[in-house]
């Protein structure tokens, strides 16, 4: 995981938690983007209901 984070960041990307806070690898809420769409994607993920609410 750490190597992947370094590769993304060295390529100009951004890696954080879904909400834009510093990454906590144990949380499983990892957002890695090209940095151009990072804030938009973070916002969209935060507005998406948790998968447990999708059950019928």
PDB file of N, CA and C in Angstrom:
ATOM      1  N   UNK A   1       0.825  -1.178   0.000  1.00  0.00           N
ATOM      2  CA  UNK A   1       0.000   0.000   0.000  1.00  0.00           C
ATOM      3  C   UNK A   1       0.871   1.244   0.000  1.00  0.00           C
ATOM      4  N   UNK A   2       1.889   1.261   0.835  1.00  0.00           N
ATOM      5  CA  UNK A   2       2.743   2.442   0.933  1.00  0.00           C
ATOM      6  C   UNK A   2       3.418   2.741  -0.403  1.00  0.00           C
ATOM      7  N   UNK A   3       3.852   1.710  -1.098  1.00  0.00           N
ATOM      8  CA  UNK A   3       4.500   1.922  -2.397  1.00  0.00           C
ATOM      9  C   UNK A   3       3.518   2.532  -3.393  1.00  0.00           C
ATOM     10  N   UNK A   4       2.280   2.080  -3.381  1.00  0.00           N
ATOM     11  CA  UNK A   4       1.262   2.625  -4.267  1.00  0.00           C
ATOM     12  C   UNK A   4       0.991   4.092  -3.983  1.00  0.00           C
ATOM     13  N   UNK A   5       0.963   4.455  -2.725  1.00  0.00           N
ATOM     14  CA  UNK A   5       0.744   5.853  -2.336  1.00  0.00           C
ATOM     15  C   UNK A   5       1.882   6.722  -2.861  1.00  0.00           C
ATOM     16  N   UNK A   6       3.117   6.245  -2.690  1.00  0.00           N
ATOM     17  CA  UNK A   6       4.273   6.998  -3.172  1.00  0.00           C
ATOM     18  C   UNK A   6       4.206   7.169  -4.685  1.00  0.00           C
ATOM     19  N   UNK A   7       3.850   6.123  -5.414  1.00  0.00           N
ATOM     20  CA  UNK A   7       3.765   6.201  -6.876  1.00  0.00           C
ATOM     21  C   UNK A   7       2.725   7.228  -7.306  1.00  0.00           C
ATOM     22  N   UNK A   8       1.549   7.172  -6.681  1.00  0.00           N
ATOM     23  CA  UNK A   8       0.484   8.129  -7.033  1.00  0.00           C
ATOM     24  C   UNK A   8       0.945   9.556  -6.745  1.00  0.00           C
ATOM     25  N   UNK A   9       1.511   9.787  -5.586  1.00  0.00           N
ATOM     26  CA  UNK A   9       1.928  11.138  -5.211  1.00  0.00           C
ATOM     27  C   UNK A   9       3.089  11.638  -6.083  1.00  0.00           C
ATOM     28  N   UNK A  10       4.033  10.777  -6.412  1.00  0.00           N
ATOM     29  CA  UNK A  10       5.150  11.176  -7.266  1.00  0.00           C
ATOM     30  C   UNK A  10       4.690  11.491  -8.688  1.00  0.00           C
ATOM     31  N   UNK A  11       3.581  10.905  -9.102  1.00  0.00           N
ATOM     32  CA  UNK A  11       3.026  11.165 -10.429  1.00  0.00           C
ATOM     33  C   UNK A  11       2.139  12.407 -10.434  1.00  0.00           C
ATOM     34  N   UNK A  12       2.032  13.088  -9.284  1.00  0.00           N
ATOM     35  CA  UNK A  12       1.229  14.296  -9.199  1.00  0.00           C
ATOM     36  C   UNK A  12      -0.171  14.070  -8.678  1.00  0.00           C
ATOM     37  N   UNK A  13      -0.460  12.849  -8.256  1.00  0.00           N
ATOM     38  CA  UNK A  13      -1.774  12.531  -7.724  1.00  0.00           C
ATOM     39  C   UNK A  13      -1.894  12.871  -6.254  1.00  0.00           C
ATOM     40  N   UNK A  14      -3.036  12.553  -5.715  1.00  0.00           N
ATOM     41  CA  UNK A  14      -3.333  12.871  -4.315  1.00  0.00           C
ATOM     42  C   UNK A  14      -3.959  11.648  -3.665  1.00  0.00           C
ATOM     43  N   UNK A  15      -3.569  11.355  -2.438  1.00  0.00           N
ATOM     44  CA  UNK A  15      -4.091  10.218  -1.685  1.00  0.00           C
ATOM     45  C   UNK A  15      -4.500  10.700  -0.307  1.00  0.00           C
ATOM     46  N   UNK A  16      -5.776  10.503   0.042  1.00  0.00           N
ATOM     47  CA  UNK A  16      -6.302  10.879   1.353  1.00  0.00           C
ATOM     48  C   UNK A  16      -7.364   9.867   1.755  1.00  0.00           C
ATOM     49  N   UNK A  17      -8.005  10.133   2.877  1.00  0.00           N
ATOM     50  CA  UNK A  17      -9.224   9.410   3.234  1.00  0.00           C
ATOM     51  C   UNK A  17     -10.348   9.977   2.369  1.00  0.00           C
ATOM     52  N   UNK A  18     -11.494   9.301   2.320  1.00  0.00           N
ATOM     53  CA  UNK A  18     -12.623   9.754   1.491  1.00  0.00           C
ATOM     54  C   UNK A  18     -13.001  11.205   1.748  1.00  0.00           C
ATOM     55  N   UNK A  19     -12.911  11.631   3.014  1.00  0.00           N
ATOM     56  CA  UNK A  19     -13.363  12.981   3.366  1.00  0.00           C
ATOM     57  C   UNK A  19     -12.278  14.044   3.212  1.00  0.00           C
ATOM     58  N   UNK A  20     -11.141  13.662   2.644  1.00  0.00           N
ATOM     59  CA  UNK A  20     -10.058  14.607   2.441  1.00  0.00           C
ATOM     60  C   UNK A  20      -9.108  14.733   3.623  1.00  0.00           C
ATOM     61  N   UNK A  21      -9.425  14.045   4.699  1.00  0.00           N
ATOM     62  CA  UNK A  21      -8.545  14.082   5.868  1.00  0.00           C
ATOM     63  C   UNK A  21      -7.314  13.209   5.604  1.00  0.00           C
ATOM     64  N   UNK A  22      -6.298  13.327   6.447  1.00  0.00           N
ATOM     65  CA  UNK A  22      -5.111  12.499   6.253  1.00  0.00           C
ATOM     66  C   UNK A  22      -5.472  11.017   6.213  1.00  0.00           C
ATOM     67  N   UNK A  23      -4.739  10.295   5.412  1.00  0.00           N
ATOM     68  CA  UNK A  23      -5.010   8.880   5.194  1.00  0.00           C
ATOM     69  C   UNK A  23      -4.773   8.042   6.442  1.00  0.00           C
ATOM     70  N   UNK A  24      -5.723   7.174   6.751  1.00  0.00           N
ATOM     71  CA  UNK A  24      -5.586   6.153   7.787  1.00  0.00           C
ATOM     72  C   UNK A  24      -5.766   4.833   7.058  1.00  0.00           C
ATOM     73  N   UNK A  25      -4.680   4.165   6.754  1.00  0.00           N
ATOM     74  CA  UNK A  25      -4.722   2.955   5.934  1.00  0.00           C
ATOM     75  C   UNK A  25      -5.662   1.912   6.528  1.00  0.00           C
ATOM     76  N   UNK A  26      -5.729   1.806   7.830  1.00  0.00           N
ATOM     77  CA  UNK A  26      -6.563   0.797   8.475  1.00  0.00           C
ATOM     78  C   UNK A  26      -8.051   1.034   8.259  1.00  0.00           C
ATOM     79  N   UNK A  27      -8.448   2.263   7.926  1.00  0.00           N
ATOM     80  CA  UNK A  27      -9.871   2.569   7.775  1.00  0.00           C
ATOM     81  C   UNK A  27     -10.471   1.957   6.511  1.00  0.00           C
ATOM     82  N   UNK A  28      -9.633   1.727   5.500  1.00  0.00           N
ATOM     83  CA  UNK A  28     -10.147   1.203   4.233  1.00  0.00           C
ATOM     84  C   UNK A  28     -10.818   2.267   3.377  1.00  0.00           C
ATOM     85  N   UNK A  29     -10.824   3.491   3.835  1.00  0.00           N
ATOM     86  CA  UNK A  29     -11.461   4.592   3.100  1.00  0.00           C
ATOM     87  C   UNK A  29     -10.391   5.427   2.403  1.00  0.00           C
ATOM     88  N   UNK A  30      -9.826   4.829   1.374  1.00  0.00           N
ATOM     89  CA  UNK A  30      -8.709   5.445   0.664  1.00  0.00           C
ATOM     90  C   UNK A  30      -9.198   6.032  -0.650  1.00  0.00           C
ATOM     91  N   UNK A  31      -8.847   7.280  -0.877  1.00  0.00           N
ATOM     92  CA  UNK A  31      -9.185   7.957  -2.123  1.00  0.00           C
ATOM     93  C   UNK A  31      -7.880   8.358  -2.795  1.00  0.00           C
ATOM     94  N   UNK A  32      -7.631   7.804  -3.984  1.00  0.00           N
ATOM     95  CA  UNK A  32      -6.427   8.129  -4.752  1.00  0.00           C
ATOM     96  C   UNK A  32      -6.866   8.602  -6.125  1.00  0.00           C
ATOM     97  N   UNK A  33      -6.479   9.812  -6.485  1.00  0.00           N
ATOM     98  CA  UNK A  33      -6.886  10.381  -7.773  1.00  0.00           C
ATOM     99  C   UNK A  33      -5.719  11.105  -8.427  1.00  0.00           C
ATOM    100  N   UNK A  34      -6.002  11.664  -9.609  1.00  0.00           N
ATOM    101  CA  UNK A  34      -4.997  12.452 -10.327  1.00  0.00           C
ATOM    102  C   UNK A  34      -4.892  13.864  -9.768  1.00  0.00           C
ATOM    103  N   UNK A  35      -5.494  14.145  -8.700  1.00  0.00           N
ATOM    104  CA  UNK A  35      -5.563  15.411  -7.956  1.00  0.00           C
ATOM    105  C   UNK A  35      -6.477  16.441  -8.605  1.00  0.00           C
ATOM    106  N   UNK A  36      -6.723  16.351  -9.896  1.00  0.00           N
ATOM    107  CA  UNK A  36      -7.625  17.299 -10.548  1.00  0.00           C
ATOM    108  C   UNK A  36      -9.076  17.086 -10.123  1.00  0.00           C
ATOM    109  N   UNK A  37      -9.441  15.842  -9.893  1.00  0.00           N
ATOM    110  CA  UNK A  37     -10.831  15.510  -9.531  1.00  0.00           C
ATOM    111  C   UNK A  37     -10.982  15.137  -8.064  1.00  0.00           C
ATOM    112  N   UNK A  38      -9.919  15.274  -7.299  1.00  0.00           N
ATOM    113  CA  UNK A  38      -9.915  14.770  -5.923  1.00  0.00           C
ATOM    114  C   UNK A  38     -11.032  15.364  -5.066  1.00  0.00           C
ATOM    115  N   UNK A  39     -11.152  16.675  -5.065  1.00  0.00           N
ATOM    116  CA  UNK A  39     -12.168  17.316  -4.215  1.00  0.00           C
ATOM    117  C   UNK A  39     -13.583  16.946  -4.658  1.00  0.00           C
ATOM    118  N   UNK A  40     -13.821  16.895  -5.968  1.00  0.00           N
ATOM    119  CA  UNK A  40     -15.151  16.536  -6.481  1.00  0.00           C
ATOM    120  C   UNK A  40     -15.515  15.105  -6.129  1.00  0.00           C
ATOM    121  N   UNK A  41     -14.551  14.203  -6.293  1.00  0.00           N
ATOM    122  CA  UNK A  41     -14.819  12.801  -5.991  1.00  0.00           C
ATOM    123  C   UNK A  41     -15.007  12.590  -4.496  1.00  0.00           C
ATOM    124  N   UNK A  42     -14.236  13.290  -3.690  1.00  0.00           N
ATOM    125  CA  UNK A  42     -14.393  13.204  -2.243  1.00  0.00           C
ATOM    126  C   UNK A  42     -15.803  13.627  -1.842  1.00  0.00           C
ATOM    127  N   UNK A  43     -16.269  14.731  -2.389  1.00  0.00           N
ATOM    128  CA  UNK A  43     -17.614  15.222  -2.085  1.00  0.00           C
ATOM    129  C   UNK A  43     -18.682  14.211  -2.506  1.00  0.00           C
ATOM    130  N   UNK A  44     -18.519  13.632  -3.701  1.00  0.00           N
ATOM    131  CA  UNK A  44     -19.485  12.644  -4.188  1.00  0.00           C
ATOM    132  C   UNK A  44     -19.509  11.406  -3.298  1.00  0.00           C
ATOM    133  N   UNK A  45     -18.356  10.960  -2.852  1.00  0.00           N
ATOM    134  CA  UNK A  45     -18.310   9.788  -1.974  1.00  0.00           C
ATOM    135  C   UNK A  45     -18.981  10.069  -0.636  1.00  0.00           C
ATOM    136  N   UNK A  46     -18.788  11.271  -0.115  1.00  0.00           N
ATOM    137  CA  UNK A  46     -19.403  11.620   1.159  1.00  0.00           C
ATOM    138  C   UNK A  46     -20.923  11.734   1.051  1.00  0.00           C
ATOM    139  N   UNK A  47     -21.425  12.049  -0.130  1.00  0.00           N
ATOM    140  CA  UNK A  47     -22.873  12.178  -0.341  1.00  0.00           C
ATOM    141  C   UNK A  47     -23.543  10.852  -0.682  1.00  0.00           C
ATOM    142  N   UNK A  48     -22.750   9.817  -0.949  1.00  0.00           N
ATOM    143  CA  UNK A  48     -23.288   8.504  -1.310  1.00  0.00           C
ATOM    144  C   UNK A  48     -23.660   7.742  -0.043  1.00  0.00           C
ATOM    145  N   UNK A  49     -24.893   7.209   0.013  1.00  0.00           N
ATOM    146  CA  UNK A  49     -25.293   6.447   1.197  1.00  0.00           C
ATOM    147  C   UNK A  49     -24.417   5.210   1.395  1.00  0.00           C
ATOM    148  N   UNK A  50     -24.226   4.834   2.634  1.00  0.00           N
ATOM    149  CA  UNK A  50     -23.482   3.636   2.964  1.00  0.00           C
ATOM    150  C   UNK A  50     -24.121   2.424   2.285  1.00  0.00           C
ATOM    151  N   UNK A  51     -23.325   1.463   1.863  1.00  0.00           N
ATOM    152  CA  UNK A  51     -23.852   0.295   1.155  1.00  0.00           C
ATOM    153  C   UNK A  51     -24.871  -0.489   1.974  1.00  0.00           C
ATOM    154  N   UNK A  52     -24.763  -0.447   3.293  1.00  0.00           N
ATOM    155  CA  UNK A  52     -25.725  -1.195   4.099  1.00  0.00           C
ATOM    156  C   UNK A  52     -27.143  -0.624   3.955  1.00  0.00           C
ATOM    157  N   UNK A  53     -27.263   0.623   3.553  1.00  0.00           N
ATOM    158  CA  UNK A  53     -28.584   1.214   3.367  1.00  0.00           C
ATOM    159  C   UNK A  53     -29.193   0.840   2.019  1.00  0.00           C
ATOM    160  N   UNK A  54     -28.433   0.180   1.164  1.00  0.00           N
ATOM    161  CA  UNK A  54     -28.915  -0.208  -0.169  1.00  0.00           C
ATOM    162  C   UNK A  54     -29.667  -1.536  -0.155  1.00  0.00           C
ATOM    163  N   UNK A  55     -29.642  -2.239   0.964  1.00  0.00           N
ATOM    164  CA  UNK A  55     -30.314  -3.534   1.056  1.00  0.00           C
ATOM    165  C   UNK A  55     -31.810  -3.360   0.927  1.00  0.00           C
ATOM    166  N   UNK A  56     -32.446  -4.345   0.322  1.00  0.00           N
ATOM    167  CA  UNK A  56     -33.911  -4.325   0.179  1.00  0.00           C
ATOM    168  C   UNK A  56     -34.582  -4.890   1.385  1.00  0.00           C
TER     169      UNK A  56
END
